[in-house]
């Protein structure tokens, strides 16, 4: 059932908690004895708001399943879907994932445009499993969601309360408290828990390489052309805490440019954020203060400055946070240990890599030497490729154009580098 058909036939049905006033249909009590019920949450990322609707016969002889929609039209196409409770996933017919929670309980997710967990995978509550689509019996994108006990669909319970099935399609939005996955990716373009790599190819076309649980990158997709060398430094970070990484780029004229991620694979360029950014020899996009909004850290000579992010493409007055940085030609920032605040790495002219642990307020611990040999590589990107909450490093080896990944240990250090791809000569990865 799609949002268009619902509007025509029923004027829609909004999901509200039992405490919300309004005309409601009282669900008949199940005759089955239901116990060991999981603590189900909305099957969307923490904080998102979705409309839900049902109709008579939606579940055969009942109306228990829900069709969830976000925005208008096809706005919700490709939006992330997450597990409403922990369990073992199974891929069914096209576009369907079922999660077995044990004790006779299952949850069902239909019409998915992509299914990102294989059958037999143990998933955590809040784990990314696929994307909203219109696969199967659907004329428009939405998520069909059901809770099933011993093969029978049940009155849906979310966040500890049974929902009320209301005939008000434009009623209150339902907020997700599905925050089971605490690690939020800072450089995830597609909204999952894996940071993604953006790179400009020799034709000045930007491409997306999605991160995966194995620490490698998936097949590329095109972001768009026109990324000439006039954009001399490119970085990625989530500016507005929506879970989708945005793009920053400085121009040779000193302006800072910003592209907002629309959550569906596209970007909208907003106004340039001032001029004078060419005075900074090094830049890193990283969330320093744990507010899930990307900040910029920049080196001006030997002085390190922090520009606190204040929302989409905007930054506050810069704050001086360090000195003695003149010898570090390359700097990068990410969360090394999963504590929520950003840490920094810098490589000196001799190829030695150093680590500074962040304190969450612009302060950093004394630097620690974490390895040598980095002068054989181009600019490196600190990012959580495999979604384990510990920043990894990615860089292209200069001599042969091979892409390497160093898996983070969680203390600012890294495991031995792994060759994860070739053919990167002439590419400009999105790293400051």
Protein backbone atom coordinates (compact mmCIF):
# COMPACT_ATOMS: atom_id res chain seq x y z
CA UNK A 1 0.00 0.00 0.00
CA UNK A 2 1.53 3.37 -0.95
CA UNK A 3 0.99 6.85 0.40
CA UNK A 4 -0.85 7.83 -2.78
CA UNK A 5 -3.32 4.95 -2.52
CA UNK A 6 -3.82 5.57 1.18
CA UNK A 7 -4.69 9.19 0.56
CA UNK A 8 -7.25 8.22 -2.07
CA UNK A 9 -8.92 5.41 -0.12
CA UNK A 10 -8.70 6.26 3.53
CA UNK A 11 -7.36 9.79 3.87
CA UNK A 12 -4.51 8.02 5.68
CA UNK A 13 -3.90 6.78 9.15
CA UNK A 14 -1.31 8.32 11.49
CA UNK A 15 0.46 6.43 14.22
CA UNK A 16 0.29 7.95 17.67
CA UNK A 17 0.78 6.59 21.15
CA UNK A 18 -2.27 5.59 23.16
CA UNK A 19 -1.97 8.86 25.05
CA UNK A 20 -2.69 10.92 21.92
CA UNK A 21 -6.29 12.08 21.74
CA UNK A 22 -8.42 11.63 18.64
CA UNK A 23 -10.64 9.18 16.83
CA UNK A 24 -9.08 5.74 17.00
CA UNK A 25 -9.89 2.18 16.12
CA UNK A 26 -9.54 -0.15 19.09
CA UNK A 27 -7.57 -3.23 18.12
CA UNK A 28 -9.15 -6.56 19.02
CA UNK A 29 -7.29 -8.55 21.65
CA UNK A 30 -5.29 -11.49 20.38
CA UNK A 31 -6.50 -14.88 21.46
CA UNK A 32 -2.93 -16.19 21.61
CA UNK A 33 -0.89 -16.10 24.78
CA UNK A 34 1.91 -13.65 23.97
CA UNK A 35 5.02 -13.55 26.10
CA UNK A 36 8.78 -12.88 25.85
CA UNK A 37 8.05 -9.90 23.61
CA UNK A 38 11.16 -7.96 22.49
CA UNK A 39 11.46 -4.27 23.30
CA UNK A 40 10.59 -3.12 19.80
CA UNK A 41 11.56 0.35 18.60
CA UNK A 42 10.67 2.25 15.43
CA UNK A 43 12.64 0.70 12.52
CA UNK A 44 14.39 3.97 11.63
CA UNK A 45 17.50 5.76 12.95
CA UNK A 46 17.38 7.46 16.33
CA UNK A 47 15.53 10.79 16.30
CA UNK A 48 13.82 10.45 12.92
CA UNK A 49 10.09 11.18 12.65
CA UNK A 50 7.82 9.09 10.42
CA UNK A 51 4.14 8.87 9.58
CA UNK A 52 2.55 5.41 9.80
CA UNK A 53 -0.71 4.16 8.33
CA UNK A 54 -2.77 1.00 7.96
CA UNK A 55 -6.07 -0.10 6.45
CA UNK A 56 -8.62 -2.86 6.94
CA UNK A 57 -7.26 -6.17 5.73
CA UNK A 58 -3.67 -4.91 5.70
CA UNK A 59 -2.66 -8.09 7.56
CA UNK A 60 -5.18 -10.39 5.91
CA UNK A 61 -7.95 -10.49 8.50
CA UNK A 62 -6.53 -7.61 10.55
CA UNK A 63 -4.95 -4.19 10.16
CA UNK A 64 -1.88 -4.72 12.37
CA UNK A 65 0.96 -4.03 9.87
CA UNK A 66 1.99 -0.42 9.25
CA UNK A 67 3.09 1.44 6.15
CA UNK A 68 5.66 4.07 7.11
CA UNK A 69 6.28 7.19 5.02
CA UNK A 70 8.63 10.17 5.41
CA UNK A 71 8.19 13.53 3.71
CA UNK A 72 6.18 13.82 0.52
CA UNK A 73 6.25 12.02 -2.80
CA UNK A 74 9.38 9.91 -3.14
CA UNK A 75 11.30 11.72 -0.38
CA UNK A 76 11.69 8.50 1.59
CA UNK A 77 13.16 6.45 -1.29
CA UNK A 78 16.51 5.08 -0.12
CA UNK A 79 16.15 6.16 3.51
CA UNK A 80 17.89 3.79 5.96
CA UNK A 81 15.91 1.07 7.71
CA UNK A 82 17.24 -0.40 10.97
CA UNK A 83 16.39 -3.45 13.06
CA UNK A 84 13.58 -2.74 15.51
CA UNK A 85 15.02 -5.38 17.87
CA UNK A 86 18.02 -7.71 17.92
CA UNK A 87 17.84 -11.08 16.19
CA UNK A 88 18.85 -13.17 13.18
CA UNK A 89 18.05 -11.74 9.74
CA UNK A 90 16.71 -13.71 6.78
CA UNK A 91 16.19 -12.49 3.24
CA UNK A 92 12.82 -13.62 1.91
CA UNK A 93 11.21 -12.80 -1.43
CA UNK A 94 12.40 -9.72 -3.28
CA UNK A 95 12.57 -6.65 -1.05
CA UNK A 96 11.82 -8.53 2.18
CA UNK A 97 13.87 -9.05 5.35
CA UNK A 98 12.55 -10.94 8.37
CA UNK A 99 14.30 -10.84 11.74
CA UNK A 100 13.80 -13.73 14.16
CA UNK A 101 13.97 -12.42 17.74
CA UNK A 102 13.45 -15.77 19.44
CA UNK A 103 10.52 -16.96 21.58
CA UNK A 104 8.26 -17.07 18.53
CA UNK A 105 8.71 -13.36 17.75
CA UNK A 106 9.69 -11.93 14.37
CA UNK A 107 9.59 -8.54 12.68
CA UNK A 108 9.05 -8.08 8.94
CA UNK A 109 10.32 -5.35 6.61
CA UNK A 110 8.95 -5.19 3.03
CA UNK A 111 9.50 -3.26 -0.23
CA UNK A 112 13.20 -2.60 0.53
CA UNK A 113 15.18 -1.15 -2.37
CA UNK A 114 18.33 -2.74 -0.96
CA UNK A 115 18.96 -5.47 1.60
CA UNK A 116 22.26 -4.97 3.36
CA UNK A 117 22.43 -7.97 5.68
CA UNK A 118 22.73 -11.56 4.49
CA UNK A 119 20.56 -14.42 5.70
CA UNK A 120 21.86 -15.80 8.97
CA UNK A 121 23.38 -12.49 10.11
CA UNK A 122 22.99 -11.64 13.80
CA UNK A 123 21.90 -8.01 13.95
CA UNK A 124 21.75 -5.60 16.86
CA UNK A 125 18.82 -3.34 17.63
CA UNK A 126 19.29 -0.18 15.60
CA UNK A 127 21.63 -1.84 13.10
CA UNK A 128 21.29 -0.77 9.47
CA UNK A 129 19.63 -3.56 7.43
CA UNK A 130 18.43 -1.95 4.19
CA UNK A 131 16.74 0.98 2.49
CA UNK A 132 13.16 2.09 1.85
CA UNK A 133 11.91 1.20 -1.63
CA UNK A 134 8.94 0.13 -3.70
CA UNK A 135 9.90 -3.48 -4.51
CA UNK A 136 7.00 -5.90 -4.77
CA UNK A 137 3.33 -4.94 -4.47
CA UNK A 138 3.84 -1.17 -4.12
CA UNK A 139 3.26 1.77 -6.44
CA UNK A 140 5.48 4.12 -4.41
CA UNK A 141 8.26 3.95 -1.82
CA UNK A 142 7.39 3.13 1.79
CA UNK A 143 8.24 0.56 4.45
CA UNK A 144 5.70 -2.16 5.27
CA UNK A 145 6.46 -3.20 8.85
CA UNK A 146 4.89 -5.97 10.94
CA UNK A 147 5.45 -7.67 14.29
CA UNK A 148 4.67 -11.39 14.19
CA UNK A 149 4.19 -13.95 16.98
CA UNK A 150 4.05 -17.66 16.12
CA UNK A 151 3.12 -16.78 12.54
CA UNK A 152 0.35 -14.31 13.44
CA UNK A 153 0.66 -10.55 13.00
CA UNK A 154 0.28 -8.65 16.27
CA UNK A 155 -0.81 -5.22 17.44
CA UNK A 156 2.40 -3.24 17.06
CA UNK A 157 4.18 -2.08 20.19
CA UNK A 158 6.90 0.58 20.00
CA UNK A 159 9.00 2.01 22.81
CA UNK A 160 7.02 0.02 25.38
CA UNK A 161 3.52 1.14 24.33
CA UNK A 162 0.91 -0.23 21.95
CA UNK A 163 0.28 2.16 19.08
CA UNK A 164 -3.18 3.49 18.35
CA UNK A 165 -4.39 3.04 14.78
CA UNK A 166 -5.87 6.45 13.85
CA UNK A 167 -7.63 7.69 10.70
CA UNK A 168 -5.73 10.98 10.70
CA UNK A 169 -3.02 10.63 8.06
CA UNK A 170 -1.59 14.08 8.84
CA UNK A 171 -1.59 13.47 12.58
CA UNK A 172 1.45 13.55 14.87
CA UNK A 173 4.71 12.14 13.58
CA UNK A 174 6.18 9.25 15.53
CA UNK A 175 9.73 9.77 16.82
CA UNK A 176 12.29 6.97 16.76
CA UNK A 177 13.98 6.05 20.04
CA UNK A 178 15.89 3.30 18.27
CA UNK A 179 19.30 4.34 19.52
CA UNK A 180 20.75 0.85 20.02
CA UNK A 181 23.75 1.57 17.81
CA UNK A 182 25.62 4.27 19.72
CA UNK A 183 28.42 4.65 17.18
CA UNK A 184 27.37 7.27 14.63
CA UNK A 185 29.46 7.54 11.51
CA UNK A 186 30.89 11.02 10.88
CA UNK A 187 31.68 10.53 7.19
CA UNK A 188 28.81 8.27 6.08
CA UNK A 189 27.32 9.73 2.93
CA UNK A 190 24.58 7.09 2.73
CA UNK A 191 23.50 7.18 6.39
CA UNK A 192 24.71 3.76 7.55
CA UNK A 193 27.35 3.17 10.24
CA UNK A 194 30.28 2.89 7.81
CA UNK A 195 32.27 5.96 6.76
CA UNK A 196 32.47 6.35 2.99
CA UNK A 197 35.29 7.59 0.78
CA UNK A 198 34.74 10.39 -1.72
CA UNK A 199 37.34 10.86 -4.45
CA UNK A 200 37.71 12.99 -7.57
CA UNK A 201 38.88 10.99 -10.60
CA UNK A 202 41.20 12.29 -13.37
CA UNK A 203 38.18 13.63 -15.31
CA UNK A 204 37.21 15.83 -12.32
CA UNK A 205 34.19 13.65 -11.51
CA UNK A 206 33.52 12.96 -7.85
CA UNK A 207 32.71 9.36 -6.93
CA UNK A 208 31.42 7.64 -3.81
CA UNK A 209 33.02 4.44 -2.47
CA UNK A 210 30.87 3.05 0.38
CA UNK A 211 32.57 1.62 3.47
CA UNK A 212 31.84 -1.95 4.52
CA UNK A 213 32.18 -4.17 7.58
CA UNK A 214 35.25 -5.83 6.04
CA UNK A 215 37.19 -2.57 6.00
CA UNK A 216 37.15 -2.33 2.21
CA UNK A 217 35.04 -0.16 -0.09
CA UNK A 218 32.14 -1.16 -2.28
CA UNK A 219 31.71 -0.34 -5.97
CA UNK A 220 31.75 3.32 -6.89
CA UNK A 221 28.80 5.51 -7.81
CA UNK A 222 28.97 8.96 -9.35
CA UNK A 223 28.31 12.08 -7.27
CA UNK A 224 28.84 14.49 -10.14
CA UNK A 225 31.26 16.27 -12.50
CA UNK A 226 32.87 19.70 -12.25
CA UNK A 227 35.29 19.10 -9.38
CA UNK A 228 38.24 20.83 -11.01
CA UNK A 229 41.53 21.53 -9.26
CA UNK A 230 40.15 24.96 -8.30
CA UNK A 231 38.65 23.02 -5.39
CA UNK A 232 42.06 22.45 -3.88
CA UNK A 233 41.03 20.82 -0.59
CA UNK A 234 37.96 18.64 -0.06
CA UNK A 235 36.61 17.27 3.21
CA UNK A 236 33.59 15.32 4.45
CA UNK A 237 31.62 15.66 7.70
CA UNK A 238 28.09 15.73 9.13
CA UNK A 239 27.32 19.42 9.61
CA UNK A 240 23.81 19.16 11.11
CA UNK A 241 23.75 15.87 13.08
CA UNK A 242 21.28 14.21 10.68
CA UNK A 243 23.51 11.16 10.12
CA UNK A 244 24.41 12.08 6.53
CA UNK A 245 27.85 13.47 5.73
CA UNK A 246 28.08 16.74 3.83
CA UNK A 247 30.90 18.05 1.63
CA UNK A 248 33.25 20.99 2.24
CA UNK A 249 35.79 22.32 -0.25
CA UNK A 250 38.13 25.29 -0.25
CA UNK A 251 38.73 27.13 -3.51
CA UNK A 252 41.98 28.62 -4.73
CA UNK A 253 40.41 32.07 -4.18
CA UNK A 254 40.22 31.31 -0.43
CA UNK A 255 36.48 30.67 -0.15
CA UNK A 256 34.99 27.71 1.73
CA UNK A 257 32.18 25.98 -0.16
CA UNK A 258 29.51 23.67 1.26
CA UNK A 259 27.19 21.02 -0.19
CA UNK A 260 24.29 19.70 1.94
CA UNK A 261 23.52 15.97 1.73
CA UNK A 262 19.80 15.48 1.04
CA UNK A 263 19.81 11.91 2.40
CA UNK A 264 18.90 10.39 -0.97
CA UNK A 265 22.29 10.37 -2.66
CA UNK A 266 22.28 14.00 -3.79
CA UNK A 267 23.87 17.24 -2.64
CA UNK A 268 22.74 20.86 -2.79
CA UNK A 269 25.37 23.58 -2.87
CA UNK A 270 24.76 26.39 -0.40
CA UNK A 271 26.43 29.77 -0.16
CA UNK A 272 30.18 29.93 0.41
CA UNK A 273 31.14 30.28 4.07
CA UNK A 274 33.36 33.36 3.86
CA UNK A 275 36.83 33.91 2.42
CA UNK A 276 40.38 33.84 3.71
CA UNK A 277 40.61 30.09 4.13
CA UNK A 278 43.72 29.92 1.96
CA UNK A 279 45.74 31.26 4.90
CA UNK A 280 45.44 27.83 6.50
CA UNK A 281 48.13 25.36 5.42
CA UNK A 282 46.28 22.36 6.82
CA UNK A 283 42.62 21.59 7.52
CA UNK A 284 40.68 18.73 9.12
CA UNK A 285 36.90 18.26 9.33
CA UNK A 286 36.12 16.61 12.68
CA UNK A 287 33.59 16.87 15.54
CA UNK A 288 35.71 18.19 18.41
CA UNK A 289 33.04 18.84 21.07
CA UNK A 290 30.71 15.80 20.83
CA UNK A 291 27.68 17.67 19.44
CA UNK A 292 27.58 15.53 16.24
CA UNK A 293 28.20 18.66 14.14
CA UNK A 294 31.37 18.83 12.08
CA UNK A 295 33.95 21.40 13.11
CA UNK A 296 37.06 22.52 11.24
CA UNK A 297 40.54 22.44 12.72
CA UNK A 298 43.08 24.49 10.78
CA UNK A 299 46.81 25.20 10.96
CA UNK A 300 47.92 28.78 10.33
CA UNK A 301 51.71 28.65 10.45
CA UNK A 302 52.49 26.99 13.76
CA UNK A 303 49.16 27.90 15.38
CA UNK A 304 46.22 25.49 15.46
CA UNK A 305 42.70 26.93 15.40
CA UNK A 306 39.28 25.41 16.02
CA UNK A 307 36.20 26.63 14.12
CA UNK A 308 33.14 25.22 15.98
CA UNK A 309 30.38 24.00 13.67
CA UNK A 310 27.02 25.66 14.25
CA UNK A 311 24.82 23.94 11.69
CA UNK A 312 24.69 23.44 7.93
CA UNK A 313 27.90 24.95 6.54
CA UNK A 314 28.23 27.53 9.33
CA UNK A 315 31.01 28.03 11.87
CA UNK A 316 31.59 30.14 14.94
CA UNK A 317 34.51 32.44 15.69
CA UNK A 318 37.79 30.56 15.57
CA UNK A 319 39.47 29.56 18.83
CA UNK A 320 43.21 29.17 19.27
CA UNK A 321 43.85 25.67 20.65
CA UNK A 322 47.55 24.94 20.10
CA UNK A 323 50.97 25.94 18.86
CA UNK A 324 54.08 24.22 17.55
CA UNK A 325 52.26 22.71 14.56
CA UNK A 326 54.41 24.22 11.79
CA UNK A 327 56.22 20.95 11.07
CA UNK A 328 53.07 18.95 10.36
CA UNK A 329 52.22 19.19 6.69
CA UNK A 330 49.29 16.77 6.85
CA UNK A 331 46.68 16.64 9.60
CA UNK A 332 43.50 14.58 9.94
CA UNK A 333 40.76 14.23 12.53
CA UNK A 334 38.32 11.52 13.64
CA UNK A 335 37.21 9.67 16.77
CA UNK A 336 39.97 7.18 17.58
CA UNK A 337 38.31 5.43 20.52
CA UNK A 338 34.55 5.84 20.13
CA UNK A 339 34.16 8.30 23.02
CA UNK A 340 32.35 10.84 20.83
CA UNK A 341 34.94 13.60 20.67
CA UNK A 342 37.42 14.16 17.87
CA UNK A 343 41.11 13.29 17.99
CA UNK A 344 43.92 14.43 15.69
CA UNK A 345 46.79 12.92 13.74
CA UNK A 346 49.64 14.72 12.00
CA UNK A 347 52.59 13.62 9.85
CA UNK A 348 55.89 15.51 9.87
CA UNK A 349 58.37 15.99 7.02
CA UNK A 350 60.24 12.81 7.97
CA UNK A 351 57.10 10.70 7.59
CA UNK A 352 56.50 10.18 11.32
CA UNK A 353 52.86 10.00 12.41
CA UNK A 354 51.73 11.49 15.73
CA UNK A 355 48.47 11.27 17.64
CA UNK A 356 46.75 13.81 19.91
CA UNK A 357 43.81 12.54 21.99
CA UNK A 358 40.96 15.05 22.20
CA UNK A 359 39.41 16.17 25.46
CA UNK A 360 36.06 17.26 24.04
CA UNK A 361 36.47 21.00 24.52
CA UNK A 362 39.30 21.93 22.17
CA UNK A 363 42.05 20.60 24.42
CA UNK A 364 44.38 17.75 23.45
CA UNK A 365 46.76 15.46 25.29
CA UNK A 366 50.50 15.42 24.63
CA UNK A 367 51.30 13.92 21.22
CA UNK A 368 52.21 10.25 20.90
CA UNK A 369 54.38 8.77 18.11
CA UNK A 370 52.32 6.06 16.38
CA UNK A 371 54.54 5.09 13.42
CA UNK A 372 56.78 6.06 10.52
CA UNK A 373 57.00 5.68 6.77
CA UNK A 374 54.17 8.03 5.90
CA UNK A 375 56.16 10.13 3.43
CA UNK A 376 55.59 7.36 0.87
CA UNK A 377 51.85 8.10 0.88
CA UNK A 378 49.65 10.96 -0.17
CA UNK A 379 47.36 12.87 2.19
CA UNK A 380 45.59 10.44 4.52
CA UNK A 381 41.97 10.31 5.62
CA UNK A 382 41.01 9.35 9.18
CA UNK A 383 37.67 7.55 8.98
CA UNK A 384 35.83 4.56 10.46
CA UNK A 385 35.65 2.32 7.39
CA UNK A 386 34.41 -0.86 9.12
CA UNK A 387 31.92 0.72 11.53
CA UNK A 388 33.55 -0.52 14.77
CA UNK A 389 33.71 2.95 16.34
CA UNK A 390 37.51 3.20 16.00
CA UNK A 391 38.99 5.48 13.35
CA UNK A 392 41.06 3.89 10.59
CA UNK A 393 43.44 5.58 8.15
CA UNK A 394 43.20 5.44 4.35
CA UNK A 395 45.83 6.73 1.92
CA UNK A 396 47.18 6.20 -1.62
CA UNK A 397 50.76 4.96 -2.00
CA UNK A 398 52.61 7.38 -4.26
CA UNK A 399 54.83 4.91 -6.10
CA UNK A 400 52.10 2.75 -7.62
CA UNK A 401 48.67 4.28 -6.88
CA UNK A 402 47.57 1.49 -4.54
CA UNK A 403 45.02 2.31 -1.84
CA UNK A 404 45.90 1.21 1.69
CA UNK A 405 43.88 0.96 4.90
CA UNK A 406 45.25 0.84 8.44
CA UNK A 407 42.66 -0.49 10.91
CA UNK A 408 42.45 1.52 14.12
CA UNK A 409 43.34 -0.11 17.44
CA UNK A 410 41.21 2.30 19.49
CA UNK A 411 44.15 4.07 21.15
CA UNK A 412 45.32 6.26 18.26
CA UNK A 413 47.56 3.54 16.85
CA UNK A 414 46.97 1.31 13.85
CA UNK A 415 47.46 -2.25 12.70
CA UNK A 416 49.64 -3.13 9.72
CA UNK A 417 48.46 -1.50 6.51
CA UNK A 418 46.49 -3.57 4.02
CA UNK A 419 46.47 -3.05 0.26
CA UNK A 420 42.76 -2.75 -0.60
CA UNK A 421 42.82 -1.51 -4.18
CA UNK A 422 44.79 -0.31 -7.17
CA UNK A 423 44.36 2.19 -9.97
CA UNK A 424 44.19 5.26 -7.73
CA UNK A 425 46.89 7.23 -9.58
CA UNK A 426 45.50 10.66 -10.48
CA UNK A 427 42.63 10.44 -7.99
CA UNK A 428 42.13 13.09 -5.32
CA UNK A 429 40.58 11.48 -2.22
CA UNK A 430 38.45 13.83 -0.12
CA UNK A 431 41.00 14.50 2.59
CA UNK A 432 42.37 17.80 3.70
